[in-house]
Amino acid sequence: MFVWAWAGPAFLAAGALLVLAGLPKVLDPGDLVRALRSVGARVPPFVVRGFAAAEVVAGAAALVLPGRWSALAVALLHAGFTGFVLLALAKGGVLASCGCFGRADTPPTRSHALVTGLLALAALAVAVAPPAAPWWSAGIGGLAVTVVLAVLVGFLAWQVIAVLPTTTAAAIRSTRKA
């Protein structure tokens, strides 16, 4: 129960972010295809779309069936995203959005890698010590606290990943030219 108290809300936020980030890529994989090409990976759109669908399924499973396997899937996905962001930073790739949260210009940042890395660690902690009962069975007080914290963590993670990069001087200059 101790692990769930601190890692559970972040795990739920990580799952919700997978659903929210995966859906746009299922519908239009083009941005992620371009992001992958920017680091030298040639992946056809149907593979990206399939990966995005798996992302949505893993995120939904984390919310509906929180346990060892869904947490492990969430941890692996967020660890993979962390690796991709670090690779993109190292290679100078992904100058625009990968399509995860819409079409805003969201280049990779160290803070993005930090957030996805922390979400991966929280999910890994839940995989190691999964909850004995579903998160929604904690009683009204526990449920309310879990939901509020998960929403807060998810919102803050989204702000760091998708909004903060658009506030840099370079991003502001690029919007003036358009």
N, C-alpha and C. Protein backbone atom coordinates (compact mmCIF):
# COMPACT_ATOMS: atom_id res chain seq x y z
N MET A 1 0.82 -1.21 0.00
CA MET A 1 0.00 0.00 0.00
C MET A 1 0.86 1.26 0.00
N PHE A 2 2.03 1.18 0.65
CA PHE A 2 2.91 2.35 0.70
C PHE A 2 3.35 2.77 -0.70
N VAL A 3 3.71 1.80 -1.53
CA VAL A 3 4.15 2.12 -2.89
C VAL A 3 3.03 2.79 -3.65
N TRP A 4 1.82 2.27 -3.54
CA TRP A 4 0.69 2.86 -4.26
C TRP A 4 0.43 4.29 -3.80
N ALA A 5 0.63 4.57 -2.53
CA ALA A 5 0.35 5.91 -2.00
C ALA A 5 1.17 6.98 -2.71
N TRP A 6 2.43 6.70 -3.03
CA TRP A 6 3.22 7.72 -3.71
C TRP A 6 3.34 7.49 -5.21
N ALA A 7 3.33 6.23 -5.65
CA ALA A 7 3.52 5.96 -7.08
C ALA A 7 2.20 5.80 -7.83
N GLY A 8 1.14 5.46 -7.14
CA GLY A 8 -0.14 5.21 -7.80
C GLY A 8 -0.67 6.37 -8.62
N PRO A 9 -0.76 7.57 -8.03
CA PRO A 9 -1.27 8.69 -8.83
C PRO A 9 -0.40 8.99 -10.06
N ALA A 10 0.93 8.88 -9.92
CA ALA A 10 1.80 9.11 -11.08
C ALA A 10 1.61 8.01 -12.12
N PHE A 11 1.41 6.78 -11.66
CA PHE A 11 1.15 5.66 -12.58
C PHE A 11 -0.16 5.89 -13.34
N LEU A 12 -1.21 6.30 -12.64
CA LEU A 12 -2.48 6.57 -13.31
C LEU A 12 -2.34 7.73 -14.30
N ALA A 13 -1.59 8.77 -13.90
CA ALA A 13 -1.35 9.89 -14.82
C ALA A 13 -0.58 9.41 -16.04
N ALA A 14 0.40 8.54 -15.83
CA ALA A 14 1.18 8.00 -16.95
C ALA A 14 0.29 7.22 -17.90
N GLY A 15 -0.63 6.44 -17.36
CA GLY A 15 -1.57 5.69 -18.19
C GLY A 15 -2.48 6.62 -18.97
N ALA A 16 -3.02 7.63 -18.30
CA ALA A 16 -3.91 8.58 -18.97
C ALA A 16 -3.17 9.33 -20.07
N LEU A 17 -1.91 9.71 -19.81
CA LEU A 17 -1.13 10.41 -20.83
C LEU A 17 -0.87 9.52 -22.04
N LEU A 18 -0.70 8.22 -21.82
CA LEU A 18 -0.54 7.31 -22.96
C LEU A 18 -1.78 7.32 -23.84
N VAL A 19 -2.95 7.30 -23.21
CA VAL A 19 -4.19 7.33 -23.99
C VAL A 19 -4.31 8.65 -24.75
N LEU A 20 -4.08 9.75 -24.03
CA LEU A 20 -4.23 11.07 -24.65
C LEU A 20 -3.19 11.33 -25.74
N ALA A 21 -1.99 10.80 -25.56
CA ALA A 21 -0.94 11.00 -26.57
C ALA A 21 -1.04 10.00 -27.71
N GLY A 22 -1.58 8.83 -27.44
CA GLY A 22 -1.66 7.80 -28.47
C GLY A 22 -2.79 8.02 -29.46
N LEU A 23 -3.92 8.52 -29.00
CA LEU A 23 -5.08 8.70 -29.89
C LEU A 23 -4.78 9.56 -31.11
N PRO A 24 -4.15 10.73 -30.95
CA PRO A 24 -3.87 11.54 -32.15
C PRO A 24 -2.95 10.82 -33.14
N LYS A 25 -2.02 10.00 -32.64
CA LYS A 25 -1.11 9.28 -33.53
C LYS A 25 -1.80 8.12 -34.24
N VAL A 26 -2.83 7.55 -33.62
CA VAL A 26 -3.61 6.52 -34.31
C VAL A 26 -4.33 7.16 -35.50
N LEU A 27 -4.88 8.34 -35.27
CA LEU A 27 -5.62 9.02 -36.32
C LEU A 27 -4.70 9.59 -37.40
N ASP A 28 -3.54 10.14 -37.00
CA ASP A 28 -2.61 10.74 -37.96
C ASP A 28 -1.18 10.48 -37.49
N PRO A 29 -0.55 9.44 -38.01
CA PRO A 29 0.80 9.09 -37.56
C PRO A 29 1.90 9.95 -38.19
N GLY A 30 1.56 10.88 -39.05
CA GLY A 30 2.55 11.63 -39.82
C GLY A 30 3.59 12.36 -39.00
N ASP A 31 3.17 13.04 -37.92
CA ASP A 31 4.13 13.79 -37.12
C ASP A 31 5.16 12.87 -36.48
N LEU A 32 4.72 11.72 -35.97
CA LEU A 32 5.67 10.80 -35.36
C LEU A 32 6.57 10.15 -36.41
N VAL A 33 6.03 9.88 -37.58
CA VAL A 33 6.87 9.34 -38.67
C VAL A 33 7.99 10.33 -38.97
N ARG A 34 7.66 11.62 -39.07
CA ARG A 34 8.68 12.65 -39.33
C ARG A 34 9.66 12.76 -38.17
N ALA A 35 9.17 12.67 -36.94
CA ALA A 35 10.05 12.75 -35.77
C ALA A 35 11.03 11.58 -35.76
N LEU A 36 10.56 10.40 -36.09
CA LEU A 36 11.44 9.24 -36.15
C LEU A 36 12.48 9.39 -37.25
N ARG A 37 12.06 9.92 -38.39
CA ARG A 37 13.01 10.14 -39.50
C ARG A 37 14.08 11.14 -39.11
N SER A 38 13.73 12.11 -38.26
CA SER A 38 14.69 13.14 -37.87
C SER A 38 15.86 12.56 -37.08
N VAL A 39 15.69 11.36 -36.52
CA VAL A 39 16.79 10.71 -35.79
C VAL A 39 17.32 9.50 -36.55
N GLY A 40 16.88 9.36 -37.81
CA GLY A 40 17.42 8.31 -38.66
C GLY A 40 16.61 7.02 -38.71
N ALA A 41 15.45 6.98 -38.08
CA ALA A 41 14.62 5.77 -38.09
C ALA A 41 13.56 5.88 -39.18
N ARG A 42 13.55 4.93 -40.08
CA ARG A 42 12.54 4.89 -41.16
C ARG A 42 11.47 3.88 -40.77
N VAL A 43 10.33 4.40 -40.33
CA VAL A 43 9.24 3.53 -39.88
C VAL A 43 8.00 3.90 -40.67
N PRO A 44 7.35 2.91 -41.31
CA PRO A 44 6.16 3.23 -42.10
C PRO A 44 4.99 3.65 -41.22
N PRO A 45 4.12 4.47 -41.76
CA PRO A 45 2.98 4.97 -40.98
C PRO A 45 2.12 3.87 -40.35
N PHE A 46 1.92 2.74 -41.04
CA PHE A 46 1.06 1.70 -40.46
C PHE A 46 1.69 1.10 -39.19
N VAL A 47 3.02 1.07 -39.12
CA VAL A 47 3.69 0.57 -37.91
C VAL A 47 3.52 1.58 -36.78
N VAL A 48 3.68 2.86 -37.10
CA VAL A 48 3.49 3.91 -36.10
C VAL A 48 2.06 3.89 -35.58
N ARG A 49 1.11 3.73 -36.48
CA ARG A 49 -0.29 3.67 -36.08
C ARG A 49 -0.54 2.47 -35.16
N GLY A 50 0.05 1.32 -35.48
CA GLY A 50 -0.09 0.14 -34.63
C GLY A 50 0.53 0.34 -33.27
N PHE A 51 1.72 0.97 -33.24
CA PHE A 51 2.37 1.27 -31.97
C PHE A 51 1.50 2.22 -31.15
N ALA A 52 0.94 3.23 -31.79
CA ALA A 52 0.08 4.18 -31.09
C ALA A 52 -1.16 3.48 -30.52
N ALA A 53 -1.71 2.53 -31.26
CA ALA A 53 -2.86 1.78 -30.76
C ALA A 53 -2.46 0.96 -29.53
N ALA A 54 -1.26 0.37 -29.56
CA ALA A 54 -0.78 -0.37 -28.40
C ALA A 54 -0.57 0.56 -27.21
N GLU A 55 -0.13 1.76 -27.49
CA GLU A 55 0.04 2.79 -26.45
C GLU A 55 -1.30 3.10 -25.77
N VAL A 56 -2.34 3.26 -26.59
CA VAL A 56 -3.68 3.54 -26.06
C VAL A 56 -4.18 2.36 -25.23
N VAL A 57 -3.99 1.16 -25.72
CA VAL A 57 -4.44 -0.04 -25.00
C VAL A 57 -3.70 -0.16 -23.67
N ALA A 58 -2.39 0.04 -23.67
CA ALA A 58 -1.61 -0.05 -22.42
C ALA A 58 -2.05 1.01 -21.41
N GLY A 59 -2.30 2.22 -21.89
CA GLY A 59 -2.75 3.28 -21.00
C GLY A 59 -4.13 2.99 -20.42
N ALA A 60 -5.03 2.51 -21.26
CA ALA A 60 -6.38 2.16 -20.79
C ALA A 60 -6.31 1.00 -19.80
N ALA A 61 -5.47 0.02 -20.07
CA ALA A 61 -5.31 -1.11 -19.15
C ALA A 61 -4.79 -0.64 -17.80
N ALA A 62 -3.89 0.33 -17.81
CA ALA A 62 -3.38 0.86 -16.54
C ALA A 62 -4.50 1.49 -15.71
N LEU A 63 -5.43 2.14 -16.37
CA LEU A 63 -6.52 2.80 -15.66
C LEU A 63 -7.58 1.80 -15.19
N VAL A 64 -7.86 0.80 -16.02
CA VAL A 64 -8.95 -0.13 -15.74
C VAL A 64 -8.48 -1.38 -15.00
N LEU A 65 -7.28 -1.85 -15.33
CA LEU A 65 -6.74 -3.08 -14.73
C LEU A 65 -5.35 -2.82 -14.13
N PRO A 66 -5.26 -1.96 -13.12
CA PRO A 66 -3.95 -1.67 -12.58
C PRO A 66 -3.34 -2.90 -11.92
N GLY A 67 -2.20 -3.28 -12.38
CA GLY A 67 -1.54 -4.46 -11.84
C GLY A 67 -0.14 -4.57 -12.40
N ARG A 68 0.50 -5.68 -12.13
CA ARG A 68 1.89 -5.89 -12.51
C ARG A 68 2.12 -5.72 -14.01
N TRP A 69 1.28 -6.35 -14.84
CA TRP A 69 1.53 -6.35 -16.30
C TRP A 69 1.21 -5.01 -16.94
N SER A 70 0.11 -4.39 -16.51
CA SER A 70 -0.19 -3.07 -17.10
C SER A 70 0.86 -2.04 -16.65
N ALA A 71 1.32 -2.15 -15.41
CA ALA A 71 2.34 -1.22 -14.92
C ALA A 71 3.66 -1.44 -15.66
N LEU A 72 3.99 -2.69 -15.92
CA LEU A 72 5.22 -2.97 -16.66
C LEU A 72 5.13 -2.41 -18.08
N ALA A 73 3.98 -2.54 -18.72
CA ALA A 73 3.80 -1.97 -20.07
C ALA A 73 3.95 -0.46 -20.05
N VAL A 74 3.35 0.19 -19.06
CA VAL A 74 3.45 1.65 -18.95
C VAL A 74 4.90 2.05 -18.69
N ALA A 75 5.59 1.33 -17.82
CA ALA A 75 6.99 1.63 -17.51
C ALA A 75 7.85 1.50 -18.76
N LEU A 76 7.66 0.42 -19.51
CA LEU A 76 8.47 0.22 -20.72
C LEU A 76 8.20 1.29 -21.77
N LEU A 77 6.94 1.66 -21.94
CA LEU A 77 6.62 2.70 -22.93
C LEU A 77 7.24 4.03 -22.54
N HIS A 78 7.08 4.43 -21.28
CA HIS A 78 7.64 5.72 -20.87
C HIS A 78 9.17 5.69 -20.86
N ALA A 79 9.77 4.56 -20.54
CA ALA A 79 11.22 4.44 -20.64
C ALA A 79 11.66 4.57 -22.09
N GLY A 80 10.90 3.97 -23.00
CA GLY A 80 11.19 4.11 -24.42
C GLY A 80 11.07 5.55 -24.90
N PHE A 81 10.06 6.25 -24.42
CA PHE A 81 9.90 7.66 -24.80
C PHE A 81 11.06 8.49 -24.26
N THR A 82 11.49 8.16 -23.04
CA THR A 82 12.64 8.87 -22.46
C THR A 82 13.87 8.65 -23.33
N GLY A 83 14.08 7.41 -23.73
CA GLY A 83 15.22 7.11 -24.60
C GLY A 83 15.13 7.85 -25.92
N PHE A 84 13.94 7.91 -26.51
CA PHE A 84 13.77 8.61 -27.78
C PHE A 84 14.05 10.10 -27.63
N VAL A 85 13.55 10.71 -26.55
CA VAL A 85 13.78 12.14 -26.33
C VAL A 85 15.28 12.40 -26.15
N LEU A 86 15.96 11.54 -25.39
CA LEU A 86 17.40 11.71 -25.20
C LEU A 86 18.15 11.52 -26.52
N LEU A 87 17.73 10.56 -27.33
CA LEU A 87 18.35 10.35 -28.64
C LEU A 87 18.13 11.58 -29.53
N ALA A 88 16.90 12.09 -29.53
CA ALA A 88 16.59 13.27 -30.34
C ALA A 88 17.42 14.47 -29.89
N LEU A 89 17.59 14.62 -28.59
CA LEU A 89 18.41 15.72 -28.08
C LEU A 89 19.87 15.55 -28.53
N ALA A 90 20.36 14.33 -28.45
CA ALA A 90 21.76 14.06 -28.81
C ALA A 90 22.00 14.25 -30.30
N LYS A 91 21.04 13.86 -31.13
CA LYS A 91 21.21 13.94 -32.59
C LYS A 91 20.70 15.24 -33.18
N GLY A 92 20.04 16.06 -32.37
CA GLY A 92 19.49 17.31 -32.89
C GLY A 92 18.26 17.10 -33.74
N GLY A 93 17.56 16.00 -33.55
CA GLY A 93 16.36 15.71 -34.34
C GLY A 93 15.11 16.29 -33.72
N VAL A 94 14.00 16.03 -34.33
CA VAL A 94 12.66 16.42 -33.91
C VAL A 94 12.59 17.92 -33.63
N LEU A 95 12.55 18.69 -34.69
CA LEU A 95 12.45 20.13 -34.54
C LEU A 95 11.01 20.58 -34.34
N ALA A 96 10.08 19.70 -34.57
CA ALA A 96 8.67 20.02 -34.39
C ALA A 96 8.04 18.92 -33.54
N SER A 97 6.75 18.93 -33.45
CA SER A 97 6.02 17.99 -32.61
C SER A 97 6.10 16.56 -33.13
N CYS A 98 6.05 15.61 -32.19
CA CYS A 98 5.96 14.20 -32.58
C CYS A 98 4.50 13.79 -32.75
N GLY A 99 3.58 14.70 -32.50
CA GLY A 99 2.18 14.41 -32.67
C GLY A 99 1.48 13.89 -31.43
N CYS A 100 2.19 13.84 -30.32
CA CYS A 100 1.60 13.27 -29.10
C CYS A 100 0.48 14.12 -28.53
N PHE A 101 0.65 15.42 -28.50
CA PHE A 101 -0.35 16.28 -27.88
C PHE A 101 -0.81 17.36 -28.83
N GLY A 102 -1.01 17.01 -30.06
CA GLY A 102 -1.47 17.98 -31.04
C GLY A 102 -0.33 18.43 -31.93
N ARG A 103 -0.50 19.53 -32.58
CA ARG A 103 0.46 19.97 -33.58
C ARG A 103 1.32 21.15 -33.14
N ALA A 104 1.25 21.53 -31.88
CA ALA A 104 2.09 22.65 -31.43
C ALA A 104 3.56 22.26 -31.58
N ASP A 105 4.39 23.25 -31.82
CA ASP A 105 5.82 23.01 -31.97
C ASP A 105 6.41 22.65 -30.61
N THR A 106 6.66 21.38 -30.37
CA THR A 106 7.17 20.93 -29.08
C THR A 106 8.43 20.11 -29.27
N PRO A 107 9.56 20.80 -29.41
CA PRO A 107 10.83 20.08 -29.57
C PRO A 107 11.18 19.35 -28.28
N PRO A 108 12.06 18.35 -28.37
CA PRO A 108 12.45 17.61 -27.18
C PRO A 108 13.24 18.50 -26.21
N THR A 109 13.05 18.26 -24.92
CA THR A 109 13.77 19.01 -23.90
C THR A 109 14.25 18.04 -22.82
N ARG A 110 15.22 18.50 -22.06
CA ARG A 110 15.68 17.68 -20.93
C ARG A 110 14.56 17.50 -19.90
N SER A 111 13.72 18.51 -19.73
CA SER A 111 12.62 18.38 -18.77
C SER A 111 11.61 17.34 -19.25
N HIS A 112 11.41 17.22 -20.57
CA HIS A 112 10.54 16.19 -21.13
C HIS A 112 11.09 14.81 -20.78
N ALA A 113 12.39 14.63 -20.98
CA ALA A 113 13.03 13.34 -20.66
C ALA A 113 12.93 13.05 -19.16
N LEU A 114 13.09 14.06 -18.34
CA LEU A 114 12.99 13.88 -16.89
C LEU A 114 11.59 13.43 -16.50
N VAL A 115 10.57 14.08 -17.05
CA VAL A 115 9.19 13.73 -16.70
C VAL A 115 8.85 12.31 -17.15
N THR A 116 9.17 11.96 -18.39
CA THR A 116 8.84 10.60 -18.84
C THR A 116 9.66 9.57 -18.08
N GLY A 117 10.88 9.92 -17.72
CA GLY A 117 11.68 9.01 -16.90
C GLY A 117 11.08 8.79 -15.52
N LEU A 118 10.60 9.85 -14.90
CA LEU A 118 9.97 9.73 -13.58
C LEU A 118 8.66 8.94 -13.67
N LEU A 119 7.90 9.14 -14.74
CA LEU A 119 6.67 8.37 -14.92
C LEU A 119 7.00 6.89 -15.11
N ALA A 120 8.07 6.61 -15.84
CA ALA A 120 8.51 5.21 -16.01
C ALA A 120 8.88 4.60 -14.67
N LEU A 121 9.60 5.35 -13.83
CA LEU A 121 9.99 4.83 -12.52
C LEU A 121 8.78 4.59 -11.62
N ALA A 122 7.81 5.49 -11.66
CA ALA A 122 6.60 5.30 -10.86
C ALA A 122 5.86 4.04 -11.31
N ALA A 123 5.74 3.85 -12.62
CA ALA A 123 5.07 2.66 -13.14
C ALA A 123 5.86 1.40 -12.78
N LEU A 124 7.18 1.48 -12.83
CA LEU A 124 8.00 0.33 -12.45
C LEU A 124 7.80 -0.02 -10.98
N ALA A 125 7.69 0.98 -10.14
CA ALA A 125 7.43 0.73 -8.71
C ALA A 125 6.10 0.02 -8.53
N VAL A 126 5.09 0.42 -9.29
CA VAL A 126 3.78 -0.25 -9.20
C VAL A 126 3.89 -1.67 -9.75
N ALA A 127 4.70 -1.89 -10.77
CA ALA A 127 4.89 -3.25 -11.30
C ALA A 127 5.55 -4.15 -10.27
N VAL A 128 6.48 -3.61 -9.51
CA VAL A 128 7.17 -4.39 -8.48
C VAL A 128 6.25 -4.67 -7.29
N ALA A 129 5.46 -3.68 -6.92
CA ALA A 129 4.54 -3.82 -5.78
C ALA A 129 3.15 -3.37 -6.20
N PRO A 130 2.44 -4.21 -6.98
CA PRO A 130 1.13 -3.80 -7.49
C PRO A 130 0.10 -3.70 -6.36
N PRO A 131 -0.94 -2.90 -6.58
CA PRO A 131 -1.96 -2.77 -5.55
C PRO A 131 -2.71 -4.08 -5.34
N ALA A 132 -3.11 -4.33 -4.11
CA ALA A 132 -3.85 -5.56 -3.80
C ALA A 132 -5.27 -5.49 -4.35
N ALA A 133 -5.80 -4.28 -4.44
CA ALA A 133 -7.18 -4.09 -4.92
C ALA A 133 -7.17 -2.93 -5.92
N PRO A 134 -8.17 -2.86 -6.79
CA PRO A 134 -8.24 -1.75 -7.74
C PRO A 134 -8.24 -0.39 -7.02
N TRP A 135 -7.67 0.61 -7.67
CA TRP A 135 -7.53 1.92 -7.05
C TRP A 135 -8.87 2.56 -6.69
N TRP A 136 -9.92 2.22 -7.40
CA TRP A 136 -11.22 2.83 -7.14
C TRP A 136 -11.93 2.19 -5.95
N SER A 137 -11.36 1.16 -5.33
CA SER A 137 -12.00 0.51 -4.18
C SER A 137 -11.45 1.01 -2.85
N ALA A 138 -10.74 2.13 -2.85
CA ALA A 138 -10.09 2.64 -1.64
C ALA A 138 -11.03 3.41 -0.72
N GLY A 139 -12.30 3.46 -1.03
CA GLY A 139 -13.21 4.29 -0.24
C GLY A 139 -13.22 5.69 -0.82
N ILE A 140 -14.22 6.44 -0.46
CA ILE A 140 -14.42 7.75 -1.08
C ILE A 140 -13.27 8.71 -0.81
N GLY A 141 -12.72 8.69 0.39
CA GLY A 141 -11.60 9.59 0.71
C GLY A 141 -10.35 9.23 -0.08
N GLY A 142 -9.99 7.94 -0.06
CA GLY A 142 -8.81 7.49 -0.80
C GLY A 142 -8.98 7.68 -2.29
N LEU A 143 -10.19 7.42 -2.78
CA LEU A 143 -10.49 7.60 -4.20
C LEU A 143 -10.33 9.06 -4.60
N ALA A 144 -10.88 9.96 -3.79
CA ALA A 144 -10.80 11.39 -4.10
C ALA A 144 -9.35 11.87 -4.13
N VAL A 145 -8.58 11.47 -3.14
CA VAL A 145 -7.17 11.88 -3.08
C VAL A 145 -6.41 11.33 -4.28
N THR A 146 -6.62 10.07 -4.60
CA THR A 146 -5.93 9.44 -5.73
C THR A 146 -6.27 10.15 -7.04
N VAL A 147 -7.55 10.41 -7.26
CA VAL A 147 -7.97 11.07 -8.51
C VAL A 147 -7.41 12.49 -8.59
N VAL A 148 -7.51 13.24 -7.51
CA VAL A 148 -7.00 14.62 -7.53
C VAL A 148 -5.50 14.64 -7.79
N LEU A 149 -4.76 13.77 -7.12
CA LEU A 149 -3.31 13.72 -7.33
C LEU A 149 -2.96 13.25 -8.74
N ALA A 150 -3.68 12.26 -9.26
CA ALA A 150 -3.41 11.77 -10.62
C ALA A 150 -3.68 12.86 -11.65
N VAL A 151 -4.77 13.59 -11.48
CA VAL A 151 -5.09 14.69 -12.40
C VAL A 151 -4.02 15.78 -12.30
N LEU A 152 -3.61 16.11 -11.10
CA LEU A 152 -2.58 17.13 -10.92
C LEU A 152 -1.26 16.71 -11.55
N VAL A 153 -0.83 15.48 -11.28
CA VAL A 153 0.42 14.99 -11.87
C VAL A 153 0.32 14.97 -13.39
N GLY A 154 -0.79 14.48 -13.92
CA GLY A 154 -0.98 14.43 -15.36
C GLY A 154 -0.96 15.82 -15.99
N PHE A 155 -1.64 16.75 -15.36
CA PHE A 155 -1.68 18.13 -15.87
C PHE A 155 -0.29 18.75 -15.86
N LEU A 156 0.42 18.59 -14.76
CA LEU A 156 1.76 19.17 -14.67
C LEU A 156 2.72 18.50 -15.66
N ALA A 157 2.60 17.19 -15.83
CA ALA A 157 3.44 16.49 -16.81
C ALA A 157 3.15 17.02 -18.21
N TRP A 158 1.90 17.17 -18.54
CA TRP A 158 1.52 17.70 -19.85
C TRP A 158 2.07 19.12 -20.04
N GLN A 159 2.01 19.93 -19.00
CA GLN A 159 2.54 21.29 -19.09
C GLN A 159 4.04 21.27 -19.41
N VAL A 160 4.78 20.40 -18.73
CA VAL A 160 6.23 20.32 -18.95
C VAL A 160 6.55 19.77 -20.33
N ILE A 161 5.80 18.75 -20.76
CA ILE A 161 6.08 18.09 -22.03
C ILE A 161 5.61 18.91 -23.23
N ALA A 162 4.39 19.42 -23.17
CA ALA A 162 3.78 20.02 -24.36
C ALA A 162 3.70 21.54 -24.35
N VAL A 163 3.66 22.16 -23.18
CA VAL A 163 3.46 23.60 -23.14
C VAL A 163 4.77 24.35 -22.89
N LEU A 164 5.54 23.90 -21.92
CA LEU A 164 6.79 24.59 -21.57
C LEU A 164 7.72 24.81 -22.76
N PRO A 165 7.91 23.81 -23.64
CA PRO A 165 8.81 24.05 -24.79
C PRO A 165 8.34 25.16 -25.72
N THR A 166 7.05 25.45 -25.72
CA THR A 166 6.54 26.51 -26.60
C THR A 166 6.78 27.90 -26.02
N THR A 167 7.29 27.97 -24.79
CA THR A 167 7.53 29.26 -24.16
C THR A 167 8.98 29.71 -24.25
N THR A 168 9.82 28.91 -24.89
CA THR A 168 11.22 29.29 -25.03
C THR A 168 11.35 30.44 -26.02
N ALA A 169 12.44 31.15 -25.92
CA ALA A 169 12.67 32.27 -26.83
C ALA A 169 12.66 31.82 -28.29
N ALA A 170 13.27 30.66 -28.57
CA ALA A 170 13.31 30.16 -29.95
C ALA A 170 11.91 29.82 -30.45
N ALA A 171 11.08 29.23 -29.61
CA ALA A 171 9.73 28.89 -30.02
C ALA A 171 8.90 30.13 -30.26
N ILE A 172 9.08 31.14 -29.41
CA ILE A 172 8.33 32.38 -29.58
C ILE A 172 8.74 33.07 -30.87
N ARG A 173 10.06 33.07 -31.17
CA ARG A 173 10.54 33.69 -32.42
C ARG A 173 9.98 32.95 -33.63
N SER A 174 9.89 31.61 -33.55
CA SER A 174 9.41 30.84 -34.71
C SER A 174 7.94 31.09 -34.98
N THR A 175 7.15 31.41 -33.97
CA THR A 175 5.74 31.69 -34.21
C THR A 175 5.55 33.07 -34.81
N ARG A 176 6.45 33.99 -34.55
CA ARG A 176 6.33 35.34 -35.13
C ARG A 176 6.59 35.32 -36.63
N LYS A 177 7.44 34.39 -37.09
CA LYS A 177 7.78 34.32 -38.51
C LYS A 177 6.64 33.75 -39.34
N ALA A 178 5.76 33.01 -38.72
CA ALA A 178 4.68 32.35 -39.47
C ALA A 178 3.62 33.29 -39.91
